[in-house]
Each structure stands twice: as C-alpha cells, then as structure tokens.
C-alpha atoms as a PDB file:
ATOM      1  CA  UNK A   1      71.382 116.577  73.194  1.00  0.00           C
ATOM      2  CA  UNK A   2      69.175 115.747  76.200  1.00  0.00           C
ATOM      3  CA  UNK A   3      67.911 112.241  77.030  1.00  0.00           C
ATOM      4  CA  UNK A   4      64.472 112.758  75.470  1.00  0.00           C
ATOM      5  CA  UNK A   5      65.904 114.028  72.191  1.00  0.00           C
ATOM      6  CA  UNK A   6      68.486 111.255  72.139  1.00  0.00           C
ATOM      7  CA  UNK A   7      65.758 108.628  72.547  1.00  0.00           C
ATOM      8  CA  UNK A   8      63.779 110.230  69.731  1.00  0.00           C
ATOM      9  CA  UNK A   9      66.843 110.192  67.508  1.00  0.00           C
ATOM     10  CA  UNK A  10      67.695 106.564  68.308  1.00  0.00           C
ATOM     11  CA  UNK A  11      64.124 105.512  67.513  1.00  0.00           C
ATOM     12  CA  UNK A  12      64.218 107.430  64.242  1.00  0.00           C
ATOM     13  CA  UNK A  13      67.613 105.951  63.433  1.00  0.00           C
ATOM     14  CA  UNK A  14      66.400 102.366  63.981  1.00  0.00           C
ATOM     15  CA  UNK A  15      63.202 102.881  61.969  1.00  0.00           C
ATOM     16  CA  UNK A  16      65.146 104.422  59.092  1.00  0.00           C
ATOM     17  CA  UNK A  17      67.847 101.750  59.177  1.00  0.00           C
ATOM     18  CA  UNK A  18      65.357  98.859  59.044  1.00  0.00           C
ATOM     19  CA  UNK A  19      63.240 100.649  56.449  1.00  0.00           C
ATOM     20  CA  UNK A  20      66.277 101.123  54.210  1.00  0.00           C
ATOM     21  CA  UNK A  21      67.155  97.426  54.485  1.00  0.00           C
ATOM     22  CA  UNK A  22      63.619  96.422  53.529  1.00  0.00           C
ATOM     23  CA  UNK A  23      63.563  98.905  50.654  1.00  0.00           C
ATOM     24  CA  UNK A  24      66.799  97.350  49.382  1.00  0.00           C
ATOM     25  CA  UNK A  25      64.996  94.033  48.795  1.00  0.00           C
ATOM     26  CA  UNK A  26      62.994  95.662  45.991  1.00  0.00           C
ATOM     27  CA  UNK A  27      65.775  95.312  43.422  1.00  0.00           C
ATOM     28  CA  UNK A  28      66.226  91.650  44.370  1.00  0.00           C
ATOM     29  CA  UNK A  29      62.549  90.812  43.940  1.00  0.00           C
ATOM     30  CA  UNK A  30      62.396  92.709  40.638  1.00  0.00           C
ATOM     31  CA  UNK A  31      65.477  90.949  39.230  1.00  0.00           C
ATOM     32  CA  UNK A  32      64.094  87.570  40.325  1.00  0.00           C
ATOM     33  CA  UNK A  33      60.771  88.344  38.662  1.00  0.00           C
ATOM     34  CA  UNK A  34      62.450  89.370  35.403  1.00  0.00           C
ATOM     35  CA  UNK A  35      64.693  86.278  35.482  1.00  0.00           C
ATOM     36  CA  UNK A  36      62.021  83.708  36.313  1.00  0.00           C
ATOM     37  CA  UNK A  37      58.918  85.072  34.562  1.00  0.00           C
ATOM     38  CA  UNK A  38      58.031  86.987  31.410  1.00  0.00           C
ATOM     39  CA  UNK A  39      56.450  89.928  33.260  1.00  0.00           C
ATOM     40  CA  UNK A  40      57.238  93.453  32.006  1.00  0.00           C
ATOM     41  CA  UNK A  41      58.187  96.456  34.153  1.00  0.00           C
ATOM     42  CA  UNK A  42      54.816  98.253  34.006  1.00  0.00           C
ATOM     43  CA  UNK A  43      52.817  95.106  34.823  1.00  0.00           C
ATOM     44  CA  UNK A  44      55.078  94.241  37.760  1.00  0.00           C
ATOM     45  CA  UNK A  45      54.801  97.790  39.080  1.00  0.00           C
ATOM     46  CA  UNK A  46      51.009  97.618  38.741  1.00  0.00           C
ATOM     47  CA  UNK A  47      50.925  94.379  40.715  1.00  0.00           C
ATOM     48  CA  UNK A  48      53.068  95.925  43.421  1.00  0.00           C
ATOM     49  CA  UNK A  49      50.571  98.749  43.829  1.00  0.00           C
ATOM     50  CA  UNK A  50      47.557  96.422  43.456  1.00  0.00           C
ATOM     51  CA  UNK A  51      48.576  94.676  46.672  1.00  0.00           C
ATOM     52  CA  UNK A  52      49.780  97.857  48.387  1.00  0.00           C
ATOM     53  CA  UNK A  53      47.016 100.380  47.757  1.00  0.00           C
ATOM     54  CA  UNK A  54      44.248  98.547  49.707  1.00  0.00           C
ATOM     55  CA  UNK A  55      46.412  98.703  52.833  1.00  0.00           C
ATOM     56  CA  UNK A  56      47.001 102.426  52.368  1.00  0.00           C
ATOM     57  CA  UNK A  57      43.300 103.049  51.698  1.00  0.00           C
ATOM     58  CA  UNK A  58      42.285 101.313  54.932  1.00  0.00           C
ATOM     59  CA  UNK A  59      44.865 103.255  56.932  1.00  0.00           C
ATOM     60  CA  UNK A  60      43.834 106.527  55.263  1.00  0.00           C
ATOM     61  CA  UNK A  61      40.179 105.828  56.123  1.00  0.00           C
ATOM     62  CA  UNK A  62      40.952 104.971  59.757  1.00  0.00           C
ATOM     63  CA  UNK A  63      43.096 108.056  60.289  1.00  0.00           C
ATOM     64  CA  UNK A  64      40.638 110.339  58.532  1.00  0.00           C
ATOM     65  CA  UNK A  65      37.863 109.229  60.877  1.00  0.00           C
ATOM     66  CA  UNK A  66      39.805 109.613  64.084  1.00  0.00           C
ATOM     67  CA  UNK A  67      38.605 112.151  66.611  1.00  0.00           C
ATOM     68  CA  UNK A  68      40.333 115.473  66.152  1.00  0.00           C
ATOM     69  CA  UNK A  69      41.438 114.688  62.613  1.00  0.00           C
ATOM     70  CA  UNK A  70      42.244 117.815  60.604  1.00  0.00           C
ATOM     71  CA  UNK A  71      41.332 117.810  56.945  1.00  0.00           C
ATOM     72  CA  UNK A  72      43.997 118.629  54.392  1.00  0.00           C
ATOM     73  CA  UNK A  73      43.939 122.079  52.906  1.00  0.00           C
ATOM     74  CA  UNK A  74      43.726 122.396  49.129  1.00  0.00           C
ATOM     75  CA  UNK A  75      47.439 123.194  48.955  1.00  0.00           C
ATOM     76  CA  UNK A  76      48.289 120.169  51.100  1.00  0.00           C
ATOM     77  CA  UNK A  77      46.255 117.946  48.772  1.00  0.00           C
ATOM     78  CA  UNK A  78      48.189 119.291  45.789  1.00  0.00           C
ATOM     79  CA  UNK A  79      51.509 118.649  47.535  1.00  0.00           C
ATOM     80  CA  UNK A  80      50.519 115.139  48.609  1.00  0.00           C
ATOM     81  CA  UNK A  81      49.368 114.138  45.126  1.00  0.00           C
ATOM     82  CA  UNK A  82      52.472 115.680  43.558  1.00  0.00           C
ATOM     83  CA  UNK A  83      54.840 113.915  45.955  1.00  0.00           C
ATOM     84  CA  UNK A  84      53.024 110.614  45.504  1.00  0.00           C
ATOM     85  CA  UNK A  85      53.246 110.845  41.720  1.00  0.00           C
ATOM     86  CA  UNK A  86      56.880 111.951  41.515  1.00  0.00           C
ATOM     87  CA  UNK A  87      58.203 110.034  44.522  1.00  0.00           C
ATOM     88  CA  UNK A  88      56.627 106.611  44.139  1.00  0.00           C
ATOM     89  CA  UNK A  89      55.008 106.426  40.728  1.00  0.00           C
ATOM     90  CA  UNK A  90      57.671 107.987  38.507  1.00  0.00           C
ATOM     91  CA  UNK A  91      60.667 106.971  40.599  1.00  0.00           C
ATOM     92  CA  UNK A  92      59.450 103.364  40.789  1.00  0.00           C
ATOM     93  CA  UNK A  93      58.732 103.296  37.066  1.00  0.00           C
ATOM     94  CA  UNK A  94      62.222 104.590  36.268  1.00  0.00           C
ATOM     95  CA  UNK A  95      63.704 102.069  38.699  1.00  0.00           C
ATOM     96  CA  UNK A  96      61.869  99.051  37.271  1.00  0.00           C
ATOM     97  CA  UNK A  97      62.825 100.026  33.716  1.00  0.00           C
ATOM     98  CA  UNK A  98      66.467 100.525  34.678  1.00  0.00           C
ATOM     99  CA  UNK A  99      66.650  97.152  36.438  1.00  0.00           C
ATOM    100  CA  UNK A 100      65.969  95.434  33.132  1.00  0.00           C
ATOM    101  CA  UNK A 101      69.428  96.511  31.931  1.00  0.00           C
ATOM    102  CA  UNK A 102      71.809  96.705  34.916  1.00  0.00           C
ATOM    103  CA  UNK A 103      72.628  94.613  37.978  1.00  0.00           C
ATOM    104  CA  UNK A 104      70.832  95.000  41.304  1.00  0.00           C
ATOM    105  CA  UNK A 105      74.052  96.082  43.022  1.00  0.00           C
ATOM    106  CA  UNK A 106      74.798  98.799  40.482  1.00  0.00           C
ATOM    107  CA  UNK A 107      71.178  99.965  40.548  1.00  0.00           C
ATOM    108  CA  UNK A 108      71.299 100.569  44.271  1.00  0.00           C
ATOM    109  CA  UNK A 109      74.621 102.397  44.069  1.00  0.00           C
ATOM    110  CA  UNK A 110      73.374 104.807  41.403  1.00  0.00           C
ATOM    111  CA  UNK A 111      70.058 105.234  43.185  1.00  0.00           C
ATOM    112  CA  UNK A 112      71.826 106.328  46.336  1.00  0.00           C
ATOM    113  CA  UNK A 113      72.923 109.536  44.748  1.00  0.00           C
ATOM    114  CA  UNK A 114      69.581 110.789  46.071  1.00  0.00           C
ATOM    115  CA  UNK A 115      70.851 111.757  49.547  1.00  0.00           C
ATOM    116  CA  UNK A 116      73.256 114.204  47.900  1.00  0.00           C
ATOM    117  CA  UNK A 117      70.424 115.630  45.815  1.00  0.00           C
ATOM    118  CA  UNK A 118      68.177 115.892  48.874  1.00  0.00           C
ATOM    119  CA  UNK A 119      70.748 117.678  51.000  1.00  0.00           C
ATOM    120  CA  UNK A 120      71.627 120.055  48.158  1.00  0.00           C
ATOM    121  CA  UNK A 121      67.934 120.848  47.592  1.00  0.00           C
ATOM    122  CA  UNK A 122      67.485 121.523  51.313  1.00  0.00           C
ATOM    123  CA  UNK A 123      70.495 123.821  51.289  1.00  0.00           C
ATOM    124  CA  UNK A 124      69.691 125.626  48.037  1.00  0.00           C
ATOM    125  CA  UNK A 125      65.916 126.004  48.386  1.00  0.00           C
ATOM    126  CA  UNK A 126      65.400 126.158  52.148  1.00  0.00           C
ATOM    127  CA  UNK A 127      68.790 127.367  53.357  1.00  0.00           C
ATOM    128  CA  UNK A 128      69.211 124.356  55.653  1.00  0.00           C
ATOM    129  CA  UNK A 129      72.817 124.098  56.810  1.00  0.00           C
ATOM    130  CA  UNK A 130      74.842 120.901  56.735  1.00  0.00           C
ATOM    131  CA  UNK A 131      76.594 120.379  60.060  1.00  0.00           C
ATOM    132  CA  UNK A 132      80.109 118.978  60.432  1.00  0.00           C
ATOM    133  CA  UNK A 133      78.985 115.515  61.491  1.00  0.00           C
ATOM    134  CA  UNK A 134      76.749 115.276  58.431  1.00  0.00           C
ATOM    135  CA  UNK A 135      79.594 116.513  56.216  1.00  0.00           C
ATOM    136  CA  UNK A 136      81.969 113.866  57.517  1.00  0.00           C
ATOM    137  CA  UNK A 137      79.301 111.157  57.331  1.00  0.00           C
ATOM    138  CA  UNK A 138      78.513 112.146  53.747  1.00  0.00           C
ATOM    139  CA  UNK A 139      82.188 112.059  52.869  1.00  0.00           C
ATOM    140  CA  UNK A 140      82.569 108.541  54.240  1.00  0.00           C
ATOM    141  CA  UNK A 141      79.363 107.134  52.794  1.00  0.00           C
ATOM    142  CA  UNK A 142      79.842 108.589  49.327  1.00  0.00           C
ATOM    143  CA  UNK A 143      83.500 107.675  49.186  1.00  0.00           C
ATOM    144  CA  UNK A 144      82.361 104.133  49.919  1.00  0.00           C
ATOM    145  CA  UNK A 145      79.649 104.253  47.286  1.00  0.00           C
ATOM    146  CA  UNK A 146      82.068 105.678  44.703  1.00  0.00           C
ATOM    147  CA  UNK A 147      84.650 102.949  45.327  1.00  0.00           C
ATOM    148  CA  UNK A 148      82.036 100.222  45.037  1.00  0.00           C
ATOM    149  CA  UNK A 149      80.464 101.900  41.990  1.00  0.00           C
ATOM    150  CA  UNK A 150      83.676 102.055  39.962  1.00  0.00           C
ATOM    151  CA  UNK A 151      84.522  98.500  40.939  1.00  0.00           C
ATOM    152  CA  UNK A 152      81.100  97.385  39.707  1.00  0.00           C
ATOM    153  CA  UNK A 153      81.510  99.468  36.564  1.00  0.00           C
ATOM    154  CA  UNK A 154      84.588  97.465  35.604  1.00  0.00           C
ATOM    155  CA  UNK A 155      82.463  94.310  35.643  1.00  0.00           C
ATOM    156  CA  UNK A 156      79.471  95.797  33.823  1.00  0.00           C
ATOM    157  CA  UNK A 157      78.577  95.194  30.201  1.00  0.00           C
ATOM    158  CA  UNK A 158      78.882  98.688  28.720  1.00  0.00           C
ATOM    159  CA  UNK A 159      76.262  98.070  26.043  1.00  0.00           C
ATOM    160  CA  UNK A 160      73.628 100.650  24.978  1.00  0.00           C
ATOM    161  CA  UNK A 161      71.243  98.900  27.368  1.00  0.00           C
ATOM    162  CA  UNK A 162      73.678  99.428  30.227  1.00  0.00           C
ATOM    163  CA  UNK A 163      73.784 103.187  29.672  1.00  0.00           C
ATOM    164  CA  UNK A 164      70.005 103.295  29.242  1.00  0.00           C
ATOM    165  CA  UNK A 165      69.563 101.507  32.559  1.00  0.00           C
ATOM    166  CA  UNK A 166      72.021 103.856  34.251  1.00  0.00           C
ATOM    167  CA  UNK A 167      70.109 106.882  32.928  1.00  0.00           C
ATOM    168  CA  UNK A 168      66.752 105.621  34.216  1.00  0.00           C
ATOM    169  CA  UNK A 169      68.143 104.853  37.676  1.00  0.00           C
ATOM    170  CA  UNK A 170      69.633 108.356  37.755  1.00  0.00           C
ATOM    171  CA  UNK A 171      66.141 109.763  37.035  1.00  0.00           C
ATOM    172  CA  UNK A 172      64.792 107.562  39.821  1.00  0.00           C
ATOM    173  CA  UNK A 173      67.313 109.006  42.286  1.00  0.00           C
ATOM    174  CA  UNK A 174      66.500 112.567  41.259  1.00  0.00           C
ATOM    175  CA  UNK A 175      62.722 112.151  41.527  1.00  0.00           C
ATOM    176  CA  UNK A 176      62.972 110.362  44.872  1.00  0.00           C
ATOM    177  CA  UNK A 177      65.143 113.124  46.320  1.00  0.00           C
ATOM    178  CA  UNK A 178      62.360 115.622  45.567  1.00  0.00           C
ATOM    179  CA  UNK A 179      59.934 113.355  47.429  1.00  0.00           C
ATOM    180  CA  UNK A 180      62.299 113.047  50.378  1.00  0.00           C
ATOM    181  CA  UNK A 181      62.712 116.798  50.765  1.00  0.00           C
ATOM    182  CA  UNK A 182      59.008 117.530  50.289  1.00  0.00           C
ATOM    183  CA  UNK A 183      57.898 114.829  52.685  1.00  0.00           C
ATOM    184  CA  UNK A 184      60.397 115.997  55.298  1.00  0.00           C
ATOM    185  CA  UNK A 185      58.615 119.363  55.379  1.00  0.00           C
ATOM    186  CA  UNK A 186      55.015 118.112  55.071  1.00  0.00           C
ATOM    187  CA  UNK A 187      55.078 115.144  57.454  1.00  0.00           C
ATOM    188  CA  UNK A 188      55.531 117.252  60.646  1.00  0.00           C
ATOM    189  CA  UNK A 189      52.397 119.178  59.632  1.00  0.00           C
ATOM    190  CA  UNK A 190      50.017 116.385  58.594  1.00  0.00           C
ATOM    191  CA  UNK A 191      51.486 113.325  60.381  1.00  0.00           C
ATOM    192  CA  UNK A 192      53.700 110.526  59.089  1.00  0.00           C
ATOM    193  CA  UNK A 193      51.175 107.688  58.823  1.00  0.00           C
ATOM    194  CA  UNK A 194      48.425 109.753  57.238  1.00  0.00           C
ATOM    195  CA  UNK A 195      50.870 111.349  54.812  1.00  0.00           C
ATOM    196  CA  UNK A 196      52.249 107.984  53.728  1.00  0.00           C
ATOM    197  CA  UNK A 197      48.805 106.454  53.244  1.00  0.00           C
ATOM    198  CA  UNK A 198      47.612 109.248  50.966  1.00  0.00           C
ATOM    199  CA  UNK A 199      50.812 109.739  48.957  1.00  0.00           C
ATOM    200  CA  UNK A 200      51.068 106.015  48.257  1.00  0.00           C
ATOM    201  CA  UNK A 201      47.410 105.893  47.234  1.00  0.00           C
ATOM    202  CA  UNK A 202      48.035 108.753  44.800  1.00  0.00           C
ATOM    203  CA  UNK A 203      51.072 106.890  43.448  1.00  0.00           C
ATOM    204  CA  UNK A 204      49.018 103.734  43.035  1.00  0.00           C
ATOM    205  CA  UNK A 205      46.331 105.528  41.057  1.00  0.00           C
ATOM    206  CA  UNK A 206      49.035 106.951  38.790  1.00  0.00           C
ATOM    207  CA  UNK A 207      50.444 103.458  38.216  1.00  0.00           C
ATOM    208  CA  UNK A 208      47.016 101.975  37.423  1.00  0.00           C
ATOM    209  CA  UNK A 209      46.223 104.772  34.976  1.00  0.00           C
ATOM    210  CA  UNK A 210      49.572 104.242  33.239  1.00  0.00           C
ATOM    211  CA  UNK A 211      48.973 100.486  33.092  1.00  0.00           C
ATOM    212  CA  UNK A 212      45.626 100.733  31.327  1.00  0.00           C
ATOM    213  CA  UNK A 213      46.564 103.673  29.080  1.00  0.00           C
ATOM    214  CA  UNK A 214      49.611 101.722  27.870  1.00  0.00           C
ATOM    215  CA  UNK A 215      47.262  99.086  26.446  1.00  0.00           C
ATOM    216  CA  UNK A 216      47.702  96.466  29.157  1.00  0.00           C
ATOM    217  CA  UNK A 217      44.341  94.812  29.719  1.00  0.00           C
ATOM    218  CA  UNK A 218      45.594  91.442  30.936  1.00  0.00           C
ATOM    219  CA  UNK A 219      44.464  90.914  34.520  1.00  0.00           C
ATOM    220  CA  UNK A 220      45.429  87.244  34.666  1.00  0.00           C
ATOM    221  CA  UNK A 221      48.920  86.605  36.018  1.00  0.00           C
ATOM    222  CA  UNK A 222      50.731  83.384  36.857  1.00  0.00           C
ATOM    223  CA  UNK A 223      51.186  82.374  40.486  1.00  0.00           C
ATOM    224  CA  UNK A 224      54.931  83.217  40.532  1.00  0.00           C
ATOM    225  CA  UNK A 225      54.265  86.701  39.139  1.00  0.00           C
ATOM    226  CA  UNK A 226      51.561  87.279  41.762  1.00  0.00           C
ATOM    227  CA  UNK A 227      53.979  86.072  44.433  1.00  0.00           C
ATOM    228  CA  UNK A 228      56.656  88.535  43.395  1.00  0.00           C
ATOM    229  CA  UNK A 229      54.069  91.314  43.264  1.00  0.00           C
ATOM    230  CA  UNK A 230      52.914  90.490  46.793  1.00  0.00           C
ATOM    231  CA  UNK A 231      56.463  90.405  48.184  1.00  0.00           C
ATOM    232  CA  UNK A 232      57.245  93.716  46.506  1.00  0.00           C
ATOM    233  CA  UNK A 233      54.106  95.195  48.053  1.00  0.00           C
ATOM    234  CA  UNK A 234      54.504  93.957  51.623  1.00  0.00           C
ATOM    235  CA  UNK A 235      58.238  93.621  52.264  1.00  0.00           C
ATOM    236  CA  UNK A 236      59.618  96.271  49.900  1.00  0.00           C
ATOM    237  CA  UNK A 237      56.811  98.846  49.968  1.00  0.00           C
ATOM    238  CA  UNK A 238      54.181  98.917  52.739  1.00  0.00           C
ATOM    239  CA  UNK A 239      56.351  98.190  55.771  1.00  0.00           C
ATOM    240  CA  UNK A 240      59.389 100.320  54.805  1.00  0.00           C
ATOM    241  CA  UNK A 241      57.315 103.330  53.702  1.00  0.00           C
ATOM    242  CA  UNK A 242      55.820 103.651  57.173  1.00  0.00           C
ATOM    243  CA  UNK A 243      59.184 103.061  58.825  1.00  0.00           C
ATOM    244  CA  UNK A 244      60.897 105.719  56.698  1.00  0.00           C
ATOM    245  CA  UNK A 245      58.094 108.274  57.069  1.00  0.00           C
ATOM    246  CA  UNK A 246      58.153 107.937  60.850  1.00  0.00           C
ATOM    247  CA  UNK A 247      61.942 108.193  60.733  1.00  0.00           C
ATOM    248  CA  UNK A 248      61.569 111.428  58.756  1.00  0.00           C
ATOM    249  CA  UNK A 249      59.248 112.806  61.402  1.00  0.00           C
ATOM    250  CA  UNK A 250      61.734 112.111  64.184  1.00  0.00           C
ATOM    251  CA  UNK A 251      65.117 112.974  62.658  1.00  0.00           C
ATOM    252  CA  UNK A 252      64.569 114.983  59.452  1.00  0.00           C
ATOM    253  CA  UNK A 253      65.260 114.347  55.775  1.00  0.00           C
ATOM    254  CA  UNK A 254      69.025 115.062  55.872  1.00  0.00           C
ATOM    255  CA  UNK A 255      69.633 112.401  58.500  1.00  0.00           C
ATOM    256  CA  UNK A 256      67.319 109.911  56.803  1.00  0.00           C
ATOM    257  CA  UNK A 257      69.201 110.489  53.545  1.00  0.00           C
ATOM    258  CA  UNK A 258      72.537 109.665  55.167  1.00  0.00           C
ATOM    259  CA  UNK A 259      71.405 106.687  57.263  1.00  0.00           C
ATOM    260  CA  UNK A 260      69.640 105.186  54.234  1.00  0.00           C
ATOM    261  CA  UNK A 261      73.059 104.799  52.620  1.00  0.00           C
ATOM    262  CA  UNK A 262      73.040 101.303  54.122  1.00  0.00           C
ATOM    263  CA  UNK A 263      70.757 100.434  51.177  1.00  0.00           C
ATOM    264  CA  UNK A 264      73.451  99.826  48.555  1.00  0.00           C
ATOM    265  CA  UNK A 265      75.453  97.719  50.982  1.00  0.00           C
ATOM    266  CA  UNK A 266      72.424  95.583  51.736  1.00  0.00           C
ATOM    267  CA  UNK A 267      71.544  95.185  48.067  1.00  0.00           C
ATOM    268  CA  UNK A 268      75.097  94.247  47.039  1.00  0.00           C
ATOM    269  CA  UNK A 269      75.204  91.502  49.660  1.00  0.00           C
ATOM    270  CA  UNK A 270      71.733  90.218  48.763  1.00  0.00           C
ATOM    271  CA  UNK A 271      72.579  90.331  45.055  1.00  0.00           C
ATOM    272  CA  UNK A 272      75.681  88.224  45.732  1.00  0.00           C
ATOM    273  CA  UNK A 273      74.033  85.559  47.896  1.00  0.00           C
ATOM    274  CA  UNK A 274      70.610  85.442  46.207  1.00  0.00           C
ATOM    275  CA  UNK A 275      71.215  86.442  42.583  1.00  0.00           C
ATOM    276  CA  UNK A 276      74.775  85.177  42.292  1.00  0.00           C
ATOM    277  CA  UNK A 277      76.208  88.583  41.310  1.00  0.00           C
ATOM    278  CA  UNK A 278      79.972  88.735  41.794  1.00  0.00           C
ATOM    279  CA  UNK A 279      81.245  90.370  44.980  1.00  0.00           C
ATOM    280  CA  UNK A 280      84.545  92.196  44.484  1.00  0.00           C
ATOM    281  CA  UNK A 281      87.112  93.838  46.758  1.00  0.00           C
ATOM    282  CA  UNK A 282      85.975  97.352  45.808  1.00  0.00           C
ATOM    283  CA  UNK A 283      82.472  96.525  47.042  1.00  0.00           C
ATOM    284  CA  UNK A 284      83.829  95.268  50.356  1.00  0.00           C
ATOM    285  CA  UNK A 285      85.952  98.409  50.825  1.00  0.00           C
ATOM    286  CA  UNK A 286      82.996 100.608  49.921  1.00  0.00           C
ATOM    287  CA  UNK A 287      80.796  98.706  52.354  1.00  0.00           C
ATOM    288  CA  UNK A 288      83.180  99.410  55.251  1.00  0.00           C
ATOM    289  CA  UNK A 289      83.190 103.150  54.537  1.00  0.00           C
ATOM    290  CA  UNK A 290      79.408 103.322  54.176  1.00  0.00           C
ATOM    291  CA  UNK A 291      78.848 101.547  57.488  1.00  0.00           C
ATOM    292  CA  UNK A 292      81.367 103.865  59.167  1.00  0.00           C
ATOM    293  CA  UNK A 293      79.448 106.892  57.919  1.00  0.00           C
ATOM    294  CA  UNK A 294      76.132 105.455  59.069  1.00  0.00           C
ATOM    295  CA  UNK A 295      77.422 104.633  62.546  1.00  0.00           C
ATOM    296  CA  UNK A 296      78.910 108.121  62.850  1.00  0.00           C
ATOM    297  CA  UNK A 297      75.541 109.614  61.973  1.00  0.00           C
ATOM    298  CA  UNK A 298      73.672 107.306  64.331  1.00  0.00           C
ATOM    299  CA  UNK A 299      75.729 107.843  67.458  1.00  0.00           C
ATOM    300  CA  UNK A 300      77.264 111.317  67.106  1.00  0.00           C
ATOM    301  CA  UNK A 301      74.528 113.330  65.416  1.00  0.00           C
ATOM    302  CA  UNK A 302      73.407 116.602  67.024  1.00  0.00           C
ATOM    303  CA  UNK A 303      70.962 117.733  64.328  1.00  0.00           C
ATOM    304  CA  UNK A 304      67.719 117.595  66.319  1.00  0.00           C
END
C-alpha cells in the first residue's frame, strides 16, 4: 500500500471508528427515553427524524445546486429510496421496538451480526473475495461478540418479550446489512454526502407516513421527550451517518463492517456506566477480542 492509499485508509478508518461510537449512543438514548418518559417506539422514531430531516434537506439542496452537479438517473433514485426505506426506516423501527424488551448491551451485540451478513452478501451476490486479514479480523471480532453475547444471555430474562426483542433486533441487523452493501456500491458513483442526504430524507418520509397512518396525531411532546429526540437526531444520526458514508467511500463496505464492530463494546460500557446494566467477565473478554480485531483491520489492512 503506497503512502497516498494508506492516508486514505487511515482517514476512512478514523471516520468509521468515530461514527460507530456515535451510532452506539442510540440504544442508550432510546433506553433512557423509555425509562424516563411514556413515549412509544414509533413516536420516538418520528421525533428523531423530525429533527434530522431538515438538516438532510438543506444539505441535499446545497449539493444539488453545486456547479457540475449530476442529476440522479431514474434507477439511482429507485436505489436511493429503497436503501433509505430499508436501511434507516425499517431497521430503525425494528431496533426501537426490540429495545423495549432487551438490554442495550444485548441489542448492540445482536445488531452487530450485520457485518457478517454484509460480507456474505458481497461474496455471494458480487463475488467480492474476503482477504486473509479480513478473515482473521472477523474471527477475532465475532469470537469476542459471541463470548459477550452468551455471557449476557445468562443474565437476560428469557420471557416471551425477550425473544420478541431478539427477533426484531435480528431483523434490524439483516435490513441494515442490505443498506451497507448497497450504499458501498452506490456512494462511489453519486458521492457520500449527497447519497446520505437523500437516503435519510427518504427514510424520514417513510417514518412520518408510518407515524400518521398508525393513528398518531399528537404533535405535542414533553420537554424531556423532545430532548431525547434531538439527541438521537444529532449525536446518534446526523453526525455518524456522514462519518460512516464517507468511511464507506474511502475503504469499502467490508472494512466498514469490521471496524464498526467497536459498536457493541461501546454500547456495553455506556450501558454499564449510564444505565447501570451489569458488566460481566464475558463482556470484558469479548471486548478485548473485538478491539484486537479492529486494530488488526486498521493497521494491517491491504484491501484498497
């Protein structure tokens, strides 16, 4: 890898790493909102997009009016709307529903099955090979996640609600992996910032339509609920989406999938210190393996 490519990779690595940390705060904010207010999942998701969409609309307008801007083709519009709906509307909906029944730490561990799904989709659909460094990094990160997952499972309340929550988070991981693969192929063509602005706007419109069709007409929320909605929008949505999309542009979806494995580690630690969720030895051991895999990917990767 030459110096220029290495610098590109390091930049992409840092953007992805920070974006994954910020994304991991989502579960914390959602659990706090459910614990401290009476807001439901759909209303909280709608508030998240209410504060997010205006930012994306402004960015979409600015980029669309830049000199030399190329308009999307009809097929690109279809792909962007599809990825926005499946990647940030449906996946977020599944995630918010699941978080009503399981802990934030367990949610993030199940959710991070998506890198495996993404890499398998890339290999099966597009014939993209998995190099040895990625294989070893995957082995380390997923061994760590598995250890922490089974340790968490021993603490979990295996009620019907627990299994329901697990199922919805699984659906979230699956839908987000489709978004990750699709965005990894479309972003180099249309640009990371423009892509993110339009896909998130499409997701927001899907959320608003769902909100009103579900019979929710209440537009008056308490100050704490509005505060959680704003934090979800800015810290856990707007900033990390642009970081991750630019990371995708620089280093590709396979690498982003692996590096983002820091997410469960971050969430487990935040859940312990902020939510008071119990931290166990299995989580610590899993954390060490996940970080080892991430560092291996960050400093030894040749997939440019």
